[in-house]
Amino acid sequence: MTQFFQFESDFVASLRCIPMQVRLKLDTCGVKLKLVQWNQLAQDDRQQLIDLPCETEPAVQQYRTFLHQLVLDRTGSQASDLAIDPHPAWLDTDNIPAAVQTKAKDVGVTISPGQWSALTPLQRFALIKLSRSSHENSNFLPALKEFQIGVADAQAD
């Protein structure tokens, strides 16, 4: 299912940045795709990476193989491999990662366990990615608002 977030709206039409749903697939299949490589792909290639499934083990392997070949064909370079986390934090509905809690507190929000578990895996993934210190974090607060997690929500829980 194609899902773009509102906080991605400034680049979705052009797909100049890698959308969260593709970033999730990259982490799932263990491939590091650099932005420069992404930008060398044709619009149709980017759309295929959005549309292709990557949930079941066979689909993950097909996505990985397709992506490696696509990057090689279009850029002449190899995409790097990443270790695949067998228990990714975005699938854990019970534990809010410390980095997410810290970033939320930095913007004046407390995320309750109920709010965390109610998020979709893609929403949890987005918050995890947006809370990393190495990430440009300007979309963290807009993501919280989009996911309806805010100060009032946190106090109501």
Protein backbone atom coordinates (compact mmCIF):
# COMPACT_ATOMS: atom_id res chain seq x y z
CA MET A 1 0.00 0.00 0.00
CA THR A 2 1.35 3.40 -0.97
CA GLN A 3 1.34 5.76 1.97
CA PHE A 4 2.98 9.14 2.07
CA PHE A 5 2.96 11.26 5.17
CA GLN A 6 1.90 14.90 5.23
CA PHE A 7 5.33 15.84 6.58
CA GLU A 8 6.78 14.45 3.33
CA SER A 9 4.51 16.58 1.14
CA ASP A 10 7.22 19.05 0.14
CA PHE A 11 9.02 16.37 -1.89
CA VAL A 12 6.46 13.65 -2.68
CA ALA A 13 5.42 15.01 -6.09
CA SER A 14 9.00 15.05 -7.35
CA LEU A 15 10.24 12.14 -5.19
CA ARG A 16 13.50 14.05 -4.79
CA CYS A 17 13.94 12.47 -1.34
CA ILE A 18 13.47 8.86 -0.33
CA PRO A 19 10.01 8.53 1.25
CA MET A 20 9.62 6.76 4.59
CA GLN A 21 7.83 3.80 3.04
CA VAL A 22 10.87 3.12 0.81
CA ARG A 23 13.26 3.72 3.70
CA LEU A 24 11.35 1.08 5.66
CA LYS A 25 11.73 -1.35 2.76
CA LEU A 26 15.46 -0.59 2.57
CA ASP A 27 15.92 -1.40 6.25
CA THR A 28 13.74 -4.49 5.86
CA CYS A 29 15.76 -5.88 2.95
CA GLY A 30 19.14 -4.70 4.24
CA VAL A 31 20.18 -2.28 1.51
CA LYS A 32 21.71 1.17 1.95
CA LEU A 33 20.56 3.41 -0.88
CA LYS A 34 22.29 6.78 -0.94
CA LEU A 35 20.31 9.86 -1.85
CA VAL A 36 22.64 10.48 -4.79
CA GLN A 37 21.80 6.98 -6.10
CA TRP A 38 18.08 7.58 -5.55
CA ASN A 39 18.33 10.79 -7.53
CA GLN A 40 19.97 8.96 -10.45
CA LEU A 41 16.93 6.68 -10.76
CA ALA A 42 14.19 7.53 -13.22
CA GLN A 43 10.80 8.58 -11.86
CA ASP A 44 9.36 5.21 -12.96
CA ASP A 45 12.15 3.39 -11.10
CA ARG A 46 11.38 5.32 -7.92
CA GLN A 47 7.69 4.56 -8.31
CA GLN A 48 8.47 0.85 -8.68
CA LEU A 49 10.43 0.93 -5.42
CA ILE A 50 7.39 2.51 -3.78
CA ASP A 51 4.93 0.01 -5.27
CA LEU A 52 6.83 -3.27 -4.95
CA PRO A 53 5.90 -5.34 -1.89
CA CYS A 54 8.50 -6.03 0.79
CA GLU A 55 6.67 -7.77 3.64
CA THR A 56 7.10 -11.53 3.26
CA GLU A 57 10.49 -13.24 3.13
CA PRO A 58 10.22 -14.04 -0.62
CA ALA A 59 9.11 -10.46 -1.35
CA VAL A 60 11.98 -9.07 0.74
CA GLN A 61 14.50 -11.14 -1.22
CA GLN A 62 12.94 -10.13 -4.56
CA TYR A 63 12.97 -6.46 -3.55
CA ARG A 64 16.63 -6.72 -2.50
CA THR A 65 17.66 -8.41 -5.75
CA PHE A 66 15.64 -5.96 -7.86
CA LEU A 67 17.05 -2.95 -6.01
CA HIS A 68 20.67 -4.09 -6.32
CA GLN A 69 20.28 -4.67 -10.05
CA LEU A 70 18.39 -1.42 -10.59
CA VAL A 71 21.04 0.67 -8.82
CA LEU A 72 23.82 -1.06 -10.74
CA ASP A 73 22.02 -0.58 -14.08
CA ARG A 74 21.17 3.08 -13.51
CA THR A 75 24.23 4.34 -11.63
CA GLY A 76 27.04 1.95 -12.45
CA SER A 77 27.66 1.58 -8.70
CA GLN A 78 26.64 -0.97 -6.13
CA ALA A 79 24.21 -0.26 -3.33
CA SER A 80 25.72 -1.24 0.01
CA ASP A 81 24.31 -3.95 2.22
CA LEU A 82 23.15 -3.34 5.78
CA ALA A 83 22.65 -5.76 8.61
CA ILE A 84 19.00 -6.71 8.96
CA ASP A 85 17.67 -6.35 12.49
CA PRO A 86 15.79 -9.57 13.30
CA HIS A 87 13.68 -7.68 15.86
CA PRO A 88 13.28 -4.12 14.56
CA ALA A 89 12.05 -1.53 17.06
CA TRP A 90 9.23 -0.39 14.76
CA LEU A 91 7.59 -3.81 15.12
CA ASP A 92 7.80 -3.68 18.93
CA THR A 93 4.49 -2.28 20.13
CA ASP A 94 5.47 -2.55 23.80
CA ASN A 95 8.71 -0.57 24.02
CA ILE A 96 9.21 3.03 22.96
CA PRO A 97 12.86 3.51 21.94
CA ALA A 98 14.79 5.84 24.22
CA ALA A 99 15.75 8.14 21.34
CA VAL A 100 12.06 8.61 20.47
CA GLN A 101 11.15 9.33 24.09
CA THR A 102 14.01 11.81 24.41
CA LYS A 103 13.18 13.62 21.19
CA ALA A 104 9.49 13.77 22.17
CA LYS A 105 10.40 15.27 25.55
CA ASP A 106 12.65 17.80 23.76
CA VAL A 107 9.56 19.08 21.91
CA GLY A 108 7.34 18.97 25.01
CA VAL A 109 5.48 15.74 24.26
CA THR A 110 5.14 12.50 26.17
CA ILE A 111 4.26 9.41 24.14
CA SER A 112 2.25 6.91 26.16
CA PRO A 113 2.61 3.16 25.65
CA GLY A 114 -0.96 3.12 24.35
CA GLN A 115 -0.19 5.77 21.77
CA TRP A 116 2.96 3.94 20.66
CA SER A 117 1.18 0.60 20.28
CA ALA A 118 -1.67 2.24 18.33
CA LEU A 119 0.74 3.51 15.66
CA THR A 120 1.30 1.53 12.48
CA PRO A 121 4.73 -0.02 11.96
CA LEU A 122 5.43 2.63 9.30
CA GLN A 123 4.52 5.43 11.74
CA ARG A 124 6.76 3.93 14.44
CA PHE A 125 9.53 3.57 11.85
CA ALA A 126 9.17 7.23 10.87
CA LEU A 127 9.40 8.42 14.48
CA ILE A 128 12.46 6.24 15.07
CA LYS A 129 14.18 7.61 11.97
CA LEU A 130 13.21 11.20 12.72
CA SER A 131 14.47 10.96 16.31
CA ARG A 132 18.02 9.93 15.42
CA SER A 133 20.67 12.48 16.31
CA SER A 134 22.25 12.07 12.87
CA HIS A 135 18.96 12.96 11.15
CA GLU A 136 17.75 16.43 10.32
CA ASN A 137 14.90 16.42 12.80
CA SER A 138 12.62 19.22 11.56
CA ASN A 139 9.88 16.72 10.70
CA PHE A 140 9.69 15.04 14.12
CA LEU A 141 7.12 17.44 15.59
CA PRO A 142 5.04 17.57 12.37
CA ALA A 143 5.04 13.75 12.40
CA LEU A 144 3.82 13.68 16.01
CA LYS A 145 1.04 16.09 15.11
CA GLU A 146 0.12 14.10 12.02
CA PHE A 147 -0.04 10.93 14.10
CA GLN A 148 -2.20 12.83 16.61
CA ILE A 149 0.32 12.60 19.40
CA GLY A 150 0.64 15.87 21.24
CA VAL A 151 0.72 17.42 24.66
CA ALA A 152 -3.08 17.27 25.07
CA ASP A 153 -3.16 13.66 23.88
CA ALA A 154 -0.36 12.65 26.21
CA GLN A 155 -2.11 14.23 29.21
CA ALA A 156 -5.36 12.45 28.36
CA ASP A 157 -3.71 9.02 28.47
